[in-house]
Amino acid sequence: MFPSKLFAVMAVLTVGWLRMPATDAFGISSFGKANTEPPRPATTTASPARSCSHQSECAGISGSSCVRTPYDSATRCLCGDNSPPVNGQCEAQTKSLYHVCATSDECGDELICGVPNITSTAPAHLYVHSPQEKICLCDTDSGFKEKDHACSDADILRTSLFAIIIFSCLRKLFQ
């Protein structure tokens, strides 16, 4: 009786093993090595943007400008969000500091579209633009100043803190 039960169990295991698809066979490859690594997601790296020395060199890439970014000292044809173009196209809706613009609506927050003051002391990365070309600049009329290739609102914050302190003192005096 015992051999017949053993035979029945072996038969069930054999049939079950034969019906299992080959891809689910305990993770063993055809070379006998177990697949213990998790699947890796496909990685895509953006191709580096084209180097440029004048804005006219970026004319073939829609929505790009010849700009320098804070993390790279070279000037490149970059999209408005400082990312490299993909297949010669830019998807960015607004433009960052130093990007070519026609109106201030194209520029991001804290920026206005204007003609840069290119003098002998101007940073080298501004010389890629012609003197009459409009670019996105920090909105100095609203208190924003350029610092480290970004617009800083330290003056606005300082003024706001000063106003809060004054109003707090006045409130305590009138209570």
N, C-alpha and C. Protein backbone atom coordinates (compact mmCIF):
# COMPACT_ATOMS: atom_id res chain seq x y z
N MET A 1 0.83 -1.18 0.00
CA MET A 1 0.00 0.00 0.00
C MET A 1 0.88 1.25 0.00
N PHE A 2 1.96 1.21 0.75
CA PHE A 2 2.87 2.34 0.82
C PHE A 2 3.49 2.68 -0.52
N PRO A 3 3.97 1.72 -1.32
CA PRO A 3 4.55 2.07 -2.62
C PRO A 3 3.52 2.70 -3.56
N SER A 4 2.28 2.33 -3.48
CA SER A 4 1.29 2.90 -4.39
C SER A 4 1.00 4.36 -4.04
N LYS A 5 1.02 4.72 -2.75
CA LYS A 5 0.82 6.11 -2.35
C LYS A 5 2.02 6.95 -2.78
N LEU A 6 3.21 6.38 -2.62
CA LEU A 6 4.42 7.08 -3.05
C LEU A 6 4.39 7.31 -4.55
N PHE A 7 3.94 6.30 -5.29
CA PHE A 7 3.84 6.42 -6.75
C PHE A 7 2.82 7.49 -7.13
N ALA A 8 1.69 7.55 -6.42
CA ALA A 8 0.64 8.53 -6.71
C ALA A 8 1.16 9.95 -6.45
N VAL A 9 1.89 10.14 -5.33
CA VAL A 9 2.43 11.45 -5.01
C VAL A 9 3.46 11.87 -6.06
N MET A 10 4.32 10.94 -6.46
CA MET A 10 5.34 11.23 -7.47
C MET A 10 4.68 11.57 -8.81
N ALA A 11 3.62 10.88 -9.14
CA ALA A 11 2.92 11.13 -10.40
C ALA A 11 2.31 12.54 -10.40
N VAL A 12 1.69 12.93 -9.27
CA VAL A 12 1.08 14.25 -9.18
C VAL A 12 2.16 15.34 -9.29
N LEU A 13 3.28 15.16 -8.59
CA LEU A 13 4.37 16.13 -8.65
C LEU A 13 4.96 16.22 -10.06
N THR A 14 5.11 15.09 -10.73
CA THR A 14 5.67 15.08 -12.07
C THR A 14 4.73 15.78 -13.05
N VAL A 15 3.44 15.48 -12.96
CA VAL A 15 2.47 16.12 -13.85
C VAL A 15 2.43 17.62 -13.59
N GLY A 16 2.46 18.02 -12.32
CA GLY A 16 2.46 19.43 -11.97
C GLY A 16 3.70 20.14 -12.49
N TRP A 17 4.84 19.47 -12.38
CA TRP A 17 6.09 20.06 -12.85
C TRP A 17 6.08 20.21 -14.37
N LEU A 18 5.54 19.23 -15.10
CA LEU A 18 5.51 19.28 -16.55
C LEU A 18 4.54 20.35 -17.07
N ARG A 19 3.50 20.64 -16.31
CA ARG A 19 2.52 21.63 -16.75
C ARG A 19 2.96 23.07 -16.46
N MET A 20 3.98 23.25 -15.62
CA MET A 20 4.47 24.58 -15.27
C MET A 20 5.16 25.20 -16.47
N PRO A 21 4.84 26.46 -16.78
CA PRO A 21 5.52 27.12 -17.90
C PRO A 21 7.02 27.24 -17.62
N ALA A 22 7.79 27.27 -18.68
CA ALA A 22 9.24 27.29 -18.55
C ALA A 22 9.74 28.58 -17.89
N THR A 23 9.03 29.70 -18.05
CA THR A 23 9.49 30.95 -17.46
C THR A 23 9.32 30.97 -15.95
N ASP A 24 8.43 30.16 -15.40
CA ASP A 24 8.22 30.14 -13.96
C ASP A 24 9.01 29.02 -13.28
N ALA A 25 9.95 28.46 -13.94
CA ALA A 25 10.67 27.29 -13.42
C ALA A 25 11.70 27.69 -12.37
N PHE A 26 11.24 28.20 -11.23
CA PHE A 26 12.07 28.49 -10.07
C PHE A 26 13.14 29.53 -10.33
N GLY A 27 13.06 30.33 -11.38
CA GLY A 27 14.02 31.39 -11.63
C GLY A 27 15.38 30.92 -12.07
N ILE A 28 15.49 29.72 -12.58
CA ILE A 28 16.78 29.22 -13.03
C ILE A 28 16.90 29.42 -14.52
N SER A 29 18.01 30.00 -14.93
CA SER A 29 18.23 30.24 -16.36
C SER A 29 18.68 28.95 -17.02
N SER A 30 18.83 29.04 -18.34
CA SER A 30 19.24 27.85 -19.08
C SER A 30 20.67 27.44 -18.78
N PHE A 31 21.42 28.31 -18.11
CA PHE A 31 22.80 27.99 -17.78
C PHE A 31 22.95 27.53 -16.34
N GLY A 32 21.84 27.39 -15.63
CA GLY A 32 21.89 26.87 -14.28
C GLY A 32 22.13 27.92 -13.22
N LYS A 33 22.13 29.21 -13.59
CA LYS A 33 22.34 30.28 -12.62
C LYS A 33 20.98 30.86 -12.23
N ALA A 34 20.76 31.02 -10.93
CA ALA A 34 19.51 31.58 -10.45
C ALA A 34 19.47 33.08 -10.74
N ASN A 35 18.33 33.57 -11.16
CA ASN A 35 18.14 34.98 -11.44
C ASN A 35 17.73 35.67 -10.14
N THR A 36 18.69 36.25 -9.44
CA THR A 36 18.40 36.88 -8.15
C THR A 36 18.31 38.40 -8.25
N GLU A 37 18.64 39.00 -9.38
CA GLU A 37 18.59 40.45 -9.53
C GLU A 37 17.19 40.89 -9.93
N PRO A 38 16.69 41.99 -9.30
CA PRO A 38 15.38 42.50 -9.70
C PRO A 38 15.48 43.13 -11.09
N PRO A 39 14.38 43.17 -11.82
CA PRO A 39 14.42 43.78 -13.15
C PRO A 39 14.76 45.27 -13.04
N ARG A 40 15.56 45.76 -13.94
CA ARG A 40 15.98 47.16 -13.95
C ARG A 40 15.08 47.95 -14.90
N PRO A 41 14.65 49.13 -14.46
CA PRO A 41 13.85 49.96 -15.37
C PRO A 41 14.73 50.49 -16.49
N ALA A 42 14.12 50.71 -17.63
CA ALA A 42 14.85 51.26 -18.77
C ALA A 42 15.28 52.69 -18.43
N THR A 43 16.53 52.99 -18.65
CA THR A 43 17.03 54.33 -18.37
C THR A 43 17.28 55.07 -19.67
N THR A 44 16.87 56.32 -19.65
CA THR A 44 17.14 57.17 -20.81
C THR A 44 17.89 58.39 -20.30
N THR A 45 19.01 58.67 -20.88
CA THR A 45 19.76 59.85 -20.49
C THR A 45 19.62 60.89 -21.59
N ALA A 46 19.40 62.09 -21.15
CA ALA A 46 19.24 63.17 -22.12
C ALA A 46 20.59 63.46 -22.78
N SER A 47 20.53 63.65 -24.07
CA SER A 47 21.77 63.98 -24.77
C SER A 47 22.18 65.39 -24.38
N PRO A 48 23.46 65.64 -24.31
CA PRO A 48 23.89 66.98 -23.92
C PRO A 48 23.45 68.00 -24.97
N ALA A 49 23.19 69.19 -24.49
CA ALA A 49 22.75 70.25 -25.40
C ALA A 49 23.93 70.76 -26.22
N ARG A 50 23.61 71.28 -27.38
CA ARG A 50 24.63 71.80 -28.29
C ARG A 50 25.28 73.05 -27.71
N SER A 51 26.60 73.12 -27.78
CA SER A 51 27.33 74.31 -27.35
C SER A 51 27.06 75.45 -28.33
N CYS A 52 27.11 76.67 -27.82
CA CYS A 52 26.88 77.83 -28.67
C CYS A 52 27.69 79.01 -28.16
N SER A 53 27.93 79.96 -29.04
CA SER A 53 28.61 81.18 -28.63
C SER A 53 27.78 82.41 -28.98
N HIS A 54 26.70 82.24 -29.76
CA HIS A 54 25.79 83.32 -30.13
C HIS A 54 24.38 82.75 -30.20
N GLN A 55 23.40 83.59 -29.91
CA GLN A 55 22.01 83.17 -29.93
C GLN A 55 21.59 82.64 -31.30
N SER A 56 22.16 83.16 -32.36
CA SER A 56 21.78 82.74 -33.72
C SER A 56 22.09 81.26 -33.96
N GLU A 57 23.02 80.69 -33.21
CA GLU A 57 23.35 79.27 -33.38
C GLU A 57 22.25 78.36 -32.86
N CYS A 58 21.32 78.88 -32.08
CA CYS A 58 20.22 78.08 -31.53
C CYS A 58 18.91 78.30 -32.30
N ALA A 59 18.97 79.06 -33.38
CA ALA A 59 17.75 79.40 -34.13
C ALA A 59 17.03 78.18 -34.68
N GLY A 60 17.73 77.11 -34.98
CA GLY A 60 17.10 75.92 -35.54
C GLY A 60 16.35 75.08 -34.53
N ILE A 61 16.51 75.37 -33.24
CA ILE A 61 15.84 74.61 -32.19
C ILE A 61 14.74 75.50 -31.61
N SER A 62 13.51 75.17 -31.90
CA SER A 62 12.37 75.98 -31.49
C SER A 62 12.30 76.09 -29.96
N GLY A 63 12.20 77.34 -29.46
CA GLY A 63 12.03 77.57 -28.03
C GLY A 63 13.31 77.50 -27.21
N SER A 64 14.47 77.43 -27.86
CA SER A 64 15.73 77.35 -27.11
C SER A 64 16.46 78.68 -27.14
N SER A 65 17.37 78.84 -26.18
CA SER A 65 18.20 80.04 -26.09
C SER A 65 19.62 79.63 -25.78
N CYS A 66 20.56 80.45 -26.18
CA CYS A 66 21.97 80.22 -25.88
C CYS A 66 22.23 80.81 -24.49
N VAL A 67 22.28 79.95 -23.48
CA VAL A 67 22.42 80.41 -22.10
C VAL A 67 23.46 79.58 -21.35
N ARG A 68 23.89 80.15 -20.23
CA ARG A 68 24.79 79.45 -19.31
C ARG A 68 23.96 79.10 -18.08
N THR A 69 24.17 77.90 -17.57
CA THR A 69 23.46 77.49 -16.37
C THR A 69 24.43 77.54 -15.18
N PRO A 70 23.91 77.55 -13.96
CA PRO A 70 24.80 77.63 -12.80
C PRO A 70 25.69 76.40 -12.63
N TYR A 71 25.29 75.28 -13.17
CA TYR A 71 26.07 74.05 -13.00
C TYR A 71 27.02 73.78 -14.15
N ASP A 72 27.04 74.65 -15.15
CA ASP A 72 27.91 74.45 -16.30
C ASP A 72 28.37 75.82 -16.79
N SER A 73 29.68 76.01 -16.90
CA SER A 73 30.18 77.33 -17.31
C SER A 73 30.08 77.56 -18.81
N ALA A 74 29.83 76.51 -19.60
CA ALA A 74 29.70 76.67 -21.05
C ALA A 74 28.30 77.16 -21.40
N THR A 75 28.19 77.92 -22.49
CA THR A 75 26.87 78.33 -22.97
C THR A 75 26.37 77.27 -23.94
N ARG A 76 25.08 76.93 -23.80
CA ARG A 76 24.47 75.86 -24.59
C ARG A 76 23.08 76.27 -25.04
N CYS A 77 22.60 75.60 -26.09
CA CYS A 77 21.23 75.80 -26.57
C CYS A 77 20.31 74.99 -25.65
N LEU A 78 19.62 75.68 -24.75
CA LEU A 78 18.76 75.02 -23.78
C LEU A 78 17.33 75.52 -23.88
N CYS A 79 16.40 74.67 -23.45
CA CYS A 79 14.99 75.05 -23.41
C CYS A 79 14.77 76.05 -22.28
N GLY A 80 13.60 76.64 -22.22
CA GLY A 80 13.28 77.66 -21.23
C GLY A 80 13.47 77.23 -19.79
N ASP A 81 13.33 75.92 -19.50
CA ASP A 81 13.54 75.42 -18.14
C ASP A 81 14.96 74.93 -17.92
N ASN A 82 15.87 75.31 -18.81
CA ASN A 82 17.30 74.93 -18.78
C ASN A 82 17.55 73.44 -18.99
N SER A 83 16.62 72.75 -19.59
CA SER A 83 16.83 71.34 -19.95
C SER A 83 17.24 71.28 -21.42
N PRO A 84 17.97 70.22 -21.81
CA PRO A 84 18.36 70.11 -23.22
C PRO A 84 17.14 69.76 -24.09
N PRO A 85 17.12 70.23 -25.32
CA PRO A 85 16.01 69.90 -26.23
C PRO A 85 15.97 68.39 -26.51
N VAL A 86 14.77 67.88 -26.72
CA VAL A 86 14.58 66.47 -27.07
C VAL A 86 14.13 66.42 -28.52
N ASN A 87 14.91 65.78 -29.35
CA ASN A 87 14.63 65.70 -30.79
C ASN A 87 14.45 67.08 -31.42
N GLY A 88 15.25 68.04 -30.97
CA GLY A 88 15.20 69.38 -31.54
C GLY A 88 13.99 70.19 -31.13
N GLN A 89 13.27 69.76 -30.09
CA GLN A 89 12.06 70.47 -29.66
C GLN A 89 12.15 70.78 -28.16
N CYS A 90 11.51 71.86 -27.76
CA CYS A 90 11.42 72.25 -26.36
C CYS A 90 9.96 72.21 -25.92
N GLU A 91 9.73 71.65 -24.74
CA GLU A 91 8.37 71.55 -24.20
C GLU A 91 8.08 72.60 -23.14
N ALA A 92 9.09 73.31 -22.64
CA ALA A 92 8.92 74.26 -21.54
C ALA A 92 7.95 75.38 -21.92
N GLN A 93 7.05 75.70 -21.00
CA GLN A 93 6.07 76.75 -21.25
C GLN A 93 6.60 78.13 -20.88
N THR A 94 7.36 78.22 -19.77
CA THR A 94 7.93 79.50 -19.35
C THR A 94 9.44 79.46 -19.48
N LYS A 95 10.04 80.63 -19.44
CA LYS A 95 11.48 80.72 -19.64
C LYS A 95 12.17 81.21 -18.37
N SER A 96 13.38 80.72 -18.16
CA SER A 96 14.18 81.08 -17.00
C SER A 96 15.07 82.28 -17.31
N LEU A 97 15.88 82.64 -16.36
CA LEU A 97 16.79 83.76 -16.46
C LEU A 97 17.69 83.65 -17.68
N TYR A 98 17.85 84.73 -18.43
CA TYR A 98 18.70 84.90 -19.62
C TYR A 98 18.15 84.27 -20.90
N HIS A 99 16.95 83.71 -20.90
CA HIS A 99 16.39 83.14 -22.13
C HIS A 99 15.77 84.25 -22.97
N VAL A 100 15.86 84.12 -24.28
CA VAL A 100 15.32 85.10 -25.21
C VAL A 100 13.80 85.12 -25.10
N CYS A 101 13.24 86.33 -25.11
CA CYS A 101 11.79 86.49 -24.96
C CYS A 101 11.30 87.64 -25.83
N ALA A 102 10.00 87.70 -26.01
CA ALA A 102 9.37 88.81 -26.72
C ALA A 102 8.56 89.66 -25.75
N THR A 103 7.92 89.01 -24.76
CA THR A 103 7.13 89.72 -23.74
C THR A 103 7.43 89.10 -22.37
N SER A 104 7.08 89.82 -21.32
CA SER A 104 7.29 89.33 -19.95
C SER A 104 6.42 88.13 -19.62
N ASP A 105 5.33 87.93 -20.37
CA ASP A 105 4.46 86.78 -20.15
C ASP A 105 5.19 85.46 -20.41
N GLU A 106 6.20 85.48 -21.26
CA GLU A 106 6.97 84.28 -21.56
C GLU A 106 7.91 83.90 -20.42
N CYS A 107 8.29 84.87 -19.60
CA CYS A 107 9.26 84.65 -18.53
C CYS A 107 8.57 84.12 -17.27
N GLY A 108 9.33 83.42 -16.46
CA GLY A 108 8.81 82.87 -15.22
C GLY A 108 8.58 83.94 -14.16
N ASP A 109 8.16 83.51 -12.97
CA ASP A 109 7.95 84.42 -11.85
C ASP A 109 9.26 85.14 -11.52
N GLU A 110 9.15 86.33 -11.01
CA GLU A 110 10.28 87.15 -10.60
C GLU A 110 11.09 87.70 -11.79
N LEU A 111 10.64 87.43 -13.02
CA LEU A 111 11.38 87.84 -14.20
C LEU A 111 10.56 88.77 -15.08
N ILE A 112 11.25 89.65 -15.79
CA ILE A 112 10.62 90.49 -16.81
C ILE A 112 11.44 90.37 -18.09
N CYS A 113 10.82 90.68 -19.19
CA CYS A 113 11.50 90.63 -20.48
C CYS A 113 12.06 92.02 -20.77
N GLY A 114 13.37 92.09 -20.94
CA GLY A 114 13.98 93.39 -21.18
C GLY A 114 15.32 93.26 -21.87
N VAL A 115 15.86 94.38 -22.26
CA VAL A 115 17.17 94.43 -22.92
C VAL A 115 18.24 94.49 -21.83
N PRO A 116 19.21 93.58 -21.85
CA PRO A 116 20.24 93.61 -20.80
C PRO A 116 21.18 94.79 -20.97
N ASN A 117 21.73 95.23 -19.86
CA ASN A 117 22.70 96.31 -19.86
C ASN A 117 24.07 95.68 -20.04
N ILE A 118 24.48 95.52 -21.30
CA ILE A 118 25.76 94.86 -21.60
C ILE A 118 26.83 95.94 -21.70
N THR A 119 27.64 96.00 -20.66
CA THR A 119 28.74 96.96 -20.62
C THR A 119 30.05 96.18 -20.56
N SER A 120 31.13 96.89 -20.37
CA SER A 120 32.43 96.22 -20.30
C SER A 120 32.56 95.36 -19.05
N THR A 121 31.73 95.63 -18.03
CA THR A 121 31.79 94.84 -16.80
C THR A 121 30.72 93.75 -16.74
N ALA A 122 29.96 93.59 -17.81
CA ALA A 122 28.90 92.58 -17.84
C ALA A 122 29.51 91.19 -17.85
N PRO A 123 28.80 90.20 -17.26
CA PRO A 123 29.30 88.82 -17.28
C PRO A 123 29.46 88.31 -18.71
N ALA A 124 30.42 87.44 -18.92
CA ALA A 124 30.74 86.94 -20.26
C ALA A 124 29.56 86.23 -20.91
N HIS A 125 28.71 85.56 -20.11
CA HIS A 125 27.60 84.81 -20.71
C HIS A 125 26.52 85.72 -21.30
N LEU A 126 26.56 87.01 -21.02
CA LEU A 126 25.61 87.93 -21.65
C LEU A 126 26.03 88.33 -23.05
N TYR A 127 27.29 88.14 -23.38
CA TYR A 127 27.79 88.54 -24.70
C TYR A 127 27.29 87.63 -25.83
N VAL A 128 26.56 86.55 -25.51
CA VAL A 128 26.00 85.71 -26.57
C VAL A 128 24.80 86.38 -27.22
N HIS A 129 24.25 87.40 -26.57
CA HIS A 129 23.08 88.12 -27.08
C HIS A 129 23.51 89.41 -27.76
N SER A 130 22.75 89.80 -28.75
CA SER A 130 23.02 91.08 -29.40
C SER A 130 22.50 92.19 -28.49
N PRO A 131 23.02 93.42 -28.60
CA PRO A 131 22.64 94.51 -27.69
C PRO A 131 21.15 94.85 -27.69
N GLN A 132 20.44 94.60 -28.78
CA GLN A 132 19.02 94.94 -28.84
C GLN A 132 18.11 93.75 -28.54
N GLU A 133 18.68 92.59 -28.27
CA GLU A 133 17.89 91.38 -28.03
C GLU A 133 17.30 91.37 -26.62
N LYS A 134 16.01 91.06 -26.51
CA LYS A 134 15.34 91.01 -25.21
C LYS A 134 15.54 89.62 -24.59
N ILE A 135 15.81 89.61 -23.28
CA ILE A 135 15.95 88.36 -22.54
C ILE A 135 15.22 88.48 -21.20
N CYS A 136 14.96 87.35 -20.55
CA CYS A 136 14.33 87.34 -19.24
C CYS A 136 15.36 87.77 -18.19
N LEU A 137 15.03 88.82 -17.45
CA LEU A 137 15.91 89.37 -16.41
C LEU A 137 15.16 89.44 -15.09
N CYS A 138 15.88 89.54 -13.99
CA CYS A 138 15.26 89.69 -12.68
C CYS A 138 14.48 91.00 -12.63
N ASP A 139 13.30 90.97 -12.05
CA ASP A 139 12.43 92.14 -11.95
C ASP A 139 12.91 93.03 -10.81
N THR A 140 13.84 93.93 -11.12
CA THR A 140 14.42 94.80 -10.10
C THR A 140 13.41 95.81 -9.56
N ASP A 141 12.42 96.18 -10.35
CA ASP A 141 11.39 97.12 -9.87
C ASP A 141 10.57 96.51 -8.74
N SER A 142 10.47 95.19 -8.69
CA SER A 142 9.74 94.50 -7.64
C SER A 142 10.65 94.03 -6.51
N GLY A 143 11.93 94.39 -6.57
CA GLY A 143 12.85 94.07 -5.49
C GLY A 143 13.70 92.84 -5.70
N PHE A 144 13.61 92.23 -6.86
CA PHE A 144 14.39 91.02 -7.12
C PHE A 144 15.74 91.39 -7.70
N LYS A 145 16.78 90.77 -7.19
CA LYS A 145 18.14 91.01 -7.67
C LYS A 145 18.78 89.70 -8.05
N GLU A 146 19.65 89.77 -9.03
CA GLU A 146 20.34 88.55 -9.47
C GLU A 146 21.46 88.20 -8.50
N LYS A 147 21.48 86.94 -8.11
CA LYS A 147 22.55 86.43 -7.26
C LYS A 147 22.72 84.95 -7.56
N ASP A 148 23.93 84.55 -7.89
CA ASP A 148 24.25 83.15 -8.19
C ASP A 148 23.35 82.58 -9.28
N HIS A 149 23.17 83.33 -10.35
CA HIS A 149 22.41 82.90 -11.52
C HIS A 149 20.94 82.61 -11.19
N ALA A 150 20.41 83.35 -10.23
CA ALA A 150 19.00 83.23 -9.86
C ALA A 150 18.53 84.59 -9.35
N CYS A 151 17.22 84.76 -9.26
CA CYS A 151 16.67 86.00 -8.74
C CYS A 151 16.39 85.84 -7.25
N SER A 152 16.95 86.74 -6.46
CA SER A 152 16.81 86.69 -5.01
C SER A 152 15.84 87.78 -4.57
N ASP A 153 14.98 87.42 -3.63
CA ASP A 153 14.03 88.41 -3.12
C ASP A 153 14.38 88.79 -1.69
N ALA A 154 15.65 88.85 -1.36
CA ALA A 154 16.09 89.17 -0.01
C ALA A 154 15.60 90.56 0.41
N ASP A 155 15.58 91.52 -0.48
CA ASP A 155 15.11 92.86 -0.13
C ASP A 155 13.63 92.85 0.22
N ILE A 156 12.85 92.06 -0.51
CA ILE A 156 11.42 91.96 -0.22
C ILE A 156 11.22 91.31 1.13
N LEU A 157 11.96 90.26 1.42
CA LEU A 157 11.84 89.56 2.70
C LEU A 157 12.26 90.48 3.84
N ARG A 158 13.34 91.21 3.67
CA ARG A 158 13.81 92.14 4.69
C ARG A 158 12.77 93.22 4.95
N THR A 159 12.19 93.77 3.88
CA THR A 159 11.17 94.80 4.02
C THR A 159 9.93 94.23 4.70
N SER A 160 9.54 93.01 4.36
CA SER A 160 8.37 92.38 4.96
C SER A 160 8.59 92.15 6.45
N LEU A 161 9.74 91.67 6.83
CA LEU A 161 10.03 91.45 8.24
C LEU A 161 10.02 92.77 9.02
N PHE A 162 10.60 93.79 8.43
CA PHE A 162 10.61 95.12 9.06
C PHE A 162 9.17 95.60 9.27
N ALA A 163 8.32 95.44 8.27
CA ALA A 163 6.93 95.88 8.37
C ALA A 163 6.19 95.09 9.44
N ILE A 164 6.43 93.80 9.55
CA ILE A 164 5.78 92.97 10.57
C ILE A 164 6.18 93.44 11.97
N ILE A 165 7.45 93.73 12.16
CA ILE A 165 7.94 94.19 13.47
C ILE A 165 7.30 95.53 13.83
N ILE A 166 7.26 96.47 12.89
CA ILE A 166 6.67 97.78 13.14
C ILE A 166 5.19 97.65 13.50
N PHE A 167 4.43 96.87 12.72
CA PHE A 167 3.00 96.71 12.99
C PHE A 167 2.76 96.00 14.31
N SER A 168 3.62 95.06 14.67
CA SER A 168 3.48 94.38 15.96
C SER A 168 3.69 95.35 17.11
N CYS A 169 4.71 96.19 16.97
CA CYS A 169 4.97 97.19 18.01
C CYS A 169 3.82 98.19 18.12
N LEU A 170 3.32 98.65 16.99
CA LEU A 170 2.19 99.59 17.00
C LEU A 170 0.95 98.95 17.61
N ARG A 171 0.72 97.72 17.32
CA ARG A 171 -0.45 97.00 17.85
C ARG A 171 -0.37 96.91 19.37
N LYS A 172 0.83 96.62 19.88
CA LYS A 172 1.00 96.53 21.34
C LYS A 172 0.83 97.90 22.00
N LEU A 173 1.25 98.96 21.32
CA LEU A 173 1.08 100.31 21.88
C LEU A 173 -0.38 100.71 21.98
N PHE A 174 -1.18 100.31 21.01
CA PHE A 174 -2.58 100.72 20.99
C PHE A 174 -3.49 99.76 21.75
N GLN A 175 -2.96 98.73 22.35
CA GLN A 175 -3.81 97.80 23.11
C GLN A 175 -3.96 98.21 24.53
